[in-house]
N, C-alpha and C. Protein backbone atom coordinates (compact mmCIF):
# COMPACT_ATOMS: atom_id res chain seq x y z
N MET A 1 36.56 -0.75 3.98
CA MET A 1 36.17 -1.54 5.14
C MET A 1 34.65 -1.73 5.12
N GLU A 2 34.21 -2.95 5.16
CA GLU A 2 32.78 -3.26 5.17
C GLU A 2 32.31 -3.45 6.60
N ASN A 3 31.12 -2.93 6.88
CA ASN A 3 30.53 -3.19 8.19
C ASN A 3 29.35 -4.14 8.02
N GLU A 4 28.76 -4.50 9.13
CA GLU A 4 27.66 -5.49 9.06
C GLU A 4 26.42 -4.96 8.37
N TYR A 5 26.31 -3.64 8.21
CA TYR A 5 25.14 -3.06 7.54
C TYR A 5 25.31 -2.95 6.03
N SER A 6 26.48 -3.24 5.52
CA SER A 6 26.74 -3.13 4.09
C SER A 6 25.88 -4.09 3.28
N LYS A 7 25.55 -5.21 3.86
CA LYS A 7 24.80 -6.23 3.13
C LYS A 7 23.30 -6.19 3.41
N VAL A 8 22.86 -5.19 4.17
CA VAL A 8 21.44 -5.09 4.50
C VAL A 8 20.68 -4.55 3.30
N LYS A 9 19.60 -5.23 2.96
CA LYS A 9 18.77 -4.81 1.85
C LYS A 9 17.86 -3.67 2.29
N VAL A 10 17.90 -2.58 1.54
CA VAL A 10 17.04 -1.44 1.84
C VAL A 10 16.17 -1.15 0.62
N ASN A 11 15.24 -0.26 0.80
CA ASN A 11 14.31 0.10 -0.27
C ASN A 11 13.57 -1.13 -0.78
N ASN A 12 13.07 -1.93 0.13
CA ASN A 12 12.36 -3.15 -0.26
C ASN A 12 10.85 -3.01 -0.07
N GLU A 13 10.34 -1.77 -0.22
CA GLU A 13 8.91 -1.55 -0.11
C GLU A 13 8.25 -1.83 -1.46
N ILE A 14 7.02 -2.32 -1.39
CA ILE A 14 6.23 -2.51 -2.60
C ILE A 14 4.89 -1.80 -2.43
N ASP A 15 4.36 -1.32 -3.54
CA ASP A 15 3.00 -0.78 -3.55
C ASP A 15 2.09 -1.99 -3.59
N PHE A 16 1.44 -2.27 -2.48
CA PHE A 16 0.66 -3.50 -2.37
C PHE A 16 -0.73 -3.36 -2.99
N CYS A 17 -1.46 -2.33 -2.59
CA CYS A 17 -2.80 -2.13 -3.10
C CYS A 17 -3.19 -0.66 -2.99
N SER A 18 -4.29 -0.30 -3.65
CA SER A 18 -4.78 1.07 -3.52
C SER A 18 -6.30 1.03 -3.38
N VAL A 19 -6.81 2.04 -2.69
CA VAL A 19 -8.25 2.19 -2.49
C VAL A 19 -8.59 3.67 -2.64
N THR A 20 -9.86 3.96 -2.87
CA THR A 20 -10.32 5.35 -2.90
C THR A 20 -11.30 5.64 -1.78
N ASP A 21 -11.88 4.61 -1.23
CA ASP A 21 -12.87 4.75 -0.16
C ASP A 21 -12.17 4.75 1.20
N THR A 22 -12.40 5.80 1.98
CA THR A 22 -11.73 5.90 3.29
C THR A 22 -12.24 4.86 4.28
N ASP A 23 -13.47 4.39 4.11
CA ASP A 23 -13.98 3.33 4.99
C ASP A 23 -13.23 2.02 4.75
N VAL A 24 -12.96 1.71 3.49
CA VAL A 24 -12.19 0.51 3.15
C VAL A 24 -10.77 0.66 3.67
N LYS A 25 -10.20 1.85 3.56
CA LYS A 25 -8.86 2.13 4.07
C LYS A 25 -8.78 1.81 5.56
N THR A 26 -9.79 2.25 6.30
CA THR A 26 -9.82 2.02 7.74
C THR A 26 -9.89 0.53 8.07
N VAL A 27 -10.68 -0.21 7.33
CA VAL A 27 -10.81 -1.65 7.55
C VAL A 27 -9.48 -2.35 7.29
N ILE A 28 -8.81 -1.98 6.18
CA ILE A 28 -7.52 -2.58 5.86
C ILE A 28 -6.49 -2.23 6.94
N GLU A 29 -6.48 -0.98 7.38
CA GLU A 29 -5.54 -0.57 8.42
C GLU A 29 -5.71 -1.40 9.69
N LYS A 30 -6.96 -1.58 10.12
CA LYS A 30 -7.23 -2.37 11.32
C LYS A 30 -6.80 -3.82 11.14
N ALA A 31 -7.06 -4.38 9.95
CA ALA A 31 -6.68 -5.77 9.68
C ALA A 31 -5.16 -5.92 9.65
N PHE A 32 -4.47 -4.95 9.05
CA PHE A 32 -3.00 -4.99 9.02
C PHE A 32 -2.43 -4.86 10.43
N MET A 33 -3.00 -3.99 11.23
CA MET A 33 -2.50 -3.83 12.60
C MET A 33 -2.70 -5.12 13.41
N LYS A 34 -3.86 -5.75 13.23
CA LYS A 34 -4.15 -6.99 13.95
C LYS A 34 -3.17 -8.09 13.54
N ALA A 35 -2.82 -8.14 12.25
CA ALA A 35 -1.90 -9.17 11.74
C ALA A 35 -0.44 -8.74 11.85
N ARG A 36 -0.20 -7.55 12.38
CA ARG A 36 1.15 -7.01 12.57
C ARG A 36 1.91 -6.84 11.25
N VAL A 37 1.19 -6.35 10.24
CA VAL A 37 1.80 -6.02 8.96
C VAL A 37 2.14 -4.54 9.00
N SER A 38 3.42 -4.22 8.86
CA SER A 38 3.79 -2.81 8.87
C SER A 38 3.53 -2.23 7.47
N TYR A 39 3.09 -1.00 7.44
CA TYR A 39 2.72 -0.36 6.19
C TYR A 39 2.85 1.15 6.34
N PHE A 40 2.83 1.84 5.23
CA PHE A 40 2.64 3.27 5.25
C PHE A 40 1.75 3.63 4.08
N LEU A 41 1.13 4.78 4.18
CA LEU A 41 0.17 5.21 3.17
C LEU A 41 0.77 6.32 2.31
N ARG A 42 0.48 6.25 1.02
CA ARG A 42 0.85 7.33 0.11
C ARG A 42 -0.43 7.80 -0.57
N TRP A 43 -0.73 9.07 -0.43
CA TRP A 43 -1.93 9.64 -1.02
C TRP A 43 -1.55 10.23 -2.37
N GLU A 44 -2.20 9.77 -3.43
CA GLU A 44 -1.93 10.27 -4.77
C GLU A 44 -3.11 11.11 -5.22
N LYS A 45 -2.80 12.32 -5.63
CA LYS A 45 -3.85 13.23 -6.10
C LYS A 45 -4.43 12.71 -7.40
N PRO A 46 -5.73 12.92 -7.60
CA PRO A 46 -6.34 12.48 -8.86
C PRO A 46 -5.84 13.33 -10.03
N SER A 47 -5.78 12.72 -11.19
CA SER A 47 -5.33 13.44 -12.38
C SER A 47 -6.41 14.42 -12.83
N LEU A 48 -6.04 15.33 -13.69
CA LEU A 48 -6.97 16.33 -14.20
C LEU A 48 -8.13 15.65 -14.94
N LEU A 49 -7.82 14.64 -15.76
CA LEU A 49 -8.87 13.94 -16.49
C LEU A 49 -9.83 13.23 -15.55
N SER A 50 -9.31 12.69 -14.47
CA SER A 50 -10.15 12.03 -13.48
C SER A 50 -11.10 13.03 -12.84
N LYS A 51 -10.62 14.22 -12.59
CA LYS A 51 -11.48 15.25 -12.00
C LYS A 51 -12.57 15.68 -12.97
N ILE A 52 -12.23 15.77 -14.25
CA ILE A 52 -13.19 16.23 -15.25
C ILE A 52 -14.27 15.18 -15.50
N PHE A 53 -13.86 13.92 -15.65
CA PHE A 53 -14.80 12.87 -16.03
C PHE A 53 -15.39 12.09 -14.87
N GLY A 54 -15.35 12.66 -13.70
CA GLY A 54 -16.00 12.03 -12.56
C GLY A 54 -15.02 11.44 -11.58
N GLY A 55 -15.55 11.13 -10.44
CA GLY A 55 -14.69 10.56 -9.40
C GLY A 55 -13.86 11.65 -8.75
N GLY A 56 -12.63 11.70 -9.10
CA GLY A 56 -11.74 12.72 -8.57
C GLY A 56 -11.29 12.45 -7.15
N LYS A 57 -11.53 11.25 -6.65
CA LYS A 57 -11.07 10.91 -5.30
C LYS A 57 -9.60 10.54 -5.36
N PRO A 58 -8.85 10.87 -4.32
CA PRO A 58 -7.42 10.48 -4.32
C PRO A 58 -7.27 8.97 -4.13
N ASP A 59 -6.23 8.42 -4.74
CA ASP A 59 -5.88 7.02 -4.51
C ASP A 59 -5.05 6.96 -3.24
N ILE A 60 -5.38 6.02 -2.38
CA ILE A 60 -4.63 5.78 -1.16
C ILE A 60 -3.88 4.47 -1.37
N VAL A 61 -2.56 4.56 -1.47
CA VAL A 61 -1.73 3.39 -1.77
C VAL A 61 -1.13 2.86 -0.47
N PHE A 62 -1.34 1.57 -0.23
CA PHE A 62 -0.73 0.89 0.91
C PHE A 62 0.61 0.34 0.46
N CYS A 63 1.69 0.80 1.08
CA CYS A 63 3.04 0.31 0.79
C CYS A 63 3.47 -0.57 1.96
N ILE A 64 3.97 -1.75 1.63
CA ILE A 64 4.41 -2.70 2.66
C ILE A 64 5.82 -3.18 2.38
N ASN A 65 6.43 -3.81 3.35
CA ASN A 65 7.73 -4.44 3.17
C ASN A 65 7.52 -5.72 2.37
N SER A 66 8.37 -5.95 1.39
CA SER A 66 8.20 -7.13 0.53
C SER A 66 8.26 -8.45 1.30
N ALA A 67 8.89 -8.45 2.47
CA ALA A 67 8.97 -9.67 3.27
C ALA A 67 7.61 -10.04 3.87
N GLN A 68 6.68 -9.09 3.91
CA GLN A 68 5.36 -9.35 4.49
C GLN A 68 4.27 -9.51 3.44
N LEU A 69 4.66 -9.71 2.20
CA LEU A 69 3.70 -9.82 1.10
C LEU A 69 2.69 -10.95 1.32
N GLU A 70 3.18 -12.12 1.69
CA GLU A 70 2.31 -13.28 1.88
C GLU A 70 1.27 -13.03 2.98
N THR A 71 1.71 -12.47 4.09
CA THR A 71 0.79 -12.17 5.20
C THR A 71 -0.24 -11.14 4.77
N ALA A 72 0.20 -10.10 4.07
CA ALA A 72 -0.71 -9.05 3.62
C ALA A 72 -1.75 -9.61 2.65
N GLU A 73 -1.35 -10.51 1.78
CA GLU A 73 -2.30 -11.13 0.84
C GLU A 73 -3.34 -11.95 1.59
N GLU A 74 -2.93 -12.66 2.63
CA GLU A 74 -3.88 -13.43 3.44
C GLU A 74 -4.88 -12.50 4.12
N VAL A 75 -4.38 -11.38 4.65
CA VAL A 75 -5.24 -10.42 5.35
C VAL A 75 -6.30 -9.87 4.39
N VAL A 76 -5.89 -9.45 3.21
CA VAL A 76 -6.84 -8.89 2.24
C VAL A 76 -7.80 -9.98 1.75
N GLY A 77 -7.31 -11.19 1.60
CA GLY A 77 -8.17 -12.29 1.17
C GLY A 77 -9.28 -12.60 2.16
N GLU A 78 -9.06 -12.30 3.43
CA GLU A 78 -10.06 -12.55 4.46
C GLU A 78 -11.10 -11.44 4.55
N LEU A 79 -10.94 -10.36 3.79
CA LEU A 79 -11.89 -9.25 3.87
C LEU A 79 -13.17 -9.51 3.10
N GLY A 80 -13.18 -10.54 2.28
CA GLY A 80 -14.40 -10.97 1.60
C GLY A 80 -14.96 -9.96 0.62
N ASP A 81 -16.14 -9.43 0.91
CA ASP A 81 -16.87 -8.59 -0.04
C ASP A 81 -16.19 -7.24 -0.30
N MET A 82 -15.24 -6.85 0.49
CA MET A 82 -14.54 -5.58 0.26
C MET A 82 -13.46 -5.71 -0.81
N GLU A 83 -13.13 -6.91 -1.21
CA GLU A 83 -12.07 -7.11 -2.20
C GLU A 83 -12.34 -6.37 -3.50
N SER A 84 -13.61 -6.19 -3.85
CA SER A 84 -13.93 -5.50 -5.10
C SER A 84 -13.56 -4.01 -5.06
N ALA A 85 -13.44 -3.44 -3.86
CA ALA A 85 -13.07 -2.02 -3.71
C ALA A 85 -11.57 -1.83 -3.59
N ILE A 86 -10.81 -2.92 -3.66
CA ILE A 86 -9.36 -2.86 -3.49
C ILE A 86 -8.69 -3.19 -4.82
N LYS A 87 -7.84 -2.30 -5.26
CA LYS A 87 -7.08 -2.53 -6.49
C LYS A 87 -5.69 -3.05 -6.10
N MET A 88 -5.42 -4.29 -6.44
CA MET A 88 -4.13 -4.89 -6.10
C MET A 88 -3.06 -4.40 -7.08
N LEU A 89 -1.91 -4.00 -6.53
CA LEU A 89 -0.82 -3.47 -7.35
C LEU A 89 0.38 -4.40 -7.37
N ARG A 90 0.94 -4.69 -6.20
CA ARG A 90 2.11 -5.57 -6.04
C ARG A 90 3.28 -5.17 -6.95
N THR A 91 3.62 -3.90 -6.94
CA THR A 91 4.72 -3.40 -7.76
C THR A 91 5.79 -2.77 -6.87
N LYS A 92 6.99 -2.68 -7.39
CA LYS A 92 8.10 -2.04 -6.67
C LYS A 92 7.73 -0.58 -6.42
N SER A 93 7.92 -0.14 -5.19
CA SER A 93 7.56 1.22 -4.81
C SER A 93 8.59 2.21 -5.31
N ASN A 94 8.10 3.36 -5.75
CA ASN A 94 8.97 4.44 -6.23
C ASN A 94 9.10 5.54 -5.21
N ASN A 95 9.03 5.22 -3.95
CA ASN A 95 9.06 6.24 -2.91
C ASN A 95 10.42 6.91 -2.87
N LYS A 96 10.38 8.21 -3.00
CA LYS A 96 11.61 8.98 -2.97
C LYS A 96 11.58 9.88 -1.75
N ILE A 97 12.68 9.89 -1.03
CA ILE A 97 12.78 10.74 0.14
C ILE A 97 13.65 11.91 -0.26
N GLY A 98 13.09 13.09 -0.15
CA GLY A 98 13.86 14.29 -0.51
C GLY A 98 14.30 15.05 0.71
N PHE A 99 15.54 15.45 0.71
CA PHE A 99 16.07 16.22 1.83
C PHE A 99 16.49 17.58 1.33
């Protein structure tokens, strides 16, 4: 027996972009909230080589719903000079929920 939720697409998140600067993260968050783009953040620890050879800041990945990709791209495009601090990803998210 199929119900109305059987055809609902799930796991449609994409890794939209990543940043290392928390100030840039805050600006993107405010812009997403203003444009009503839903998102969640995934903090990725720096690799051992990254720690050894400099930097060592965690990557902050913005994950969004794929249906809001166009809106999110417009929002980031309007940030102007901050675009150089944003690494665009646009890849299928590998978010795993463990219970």
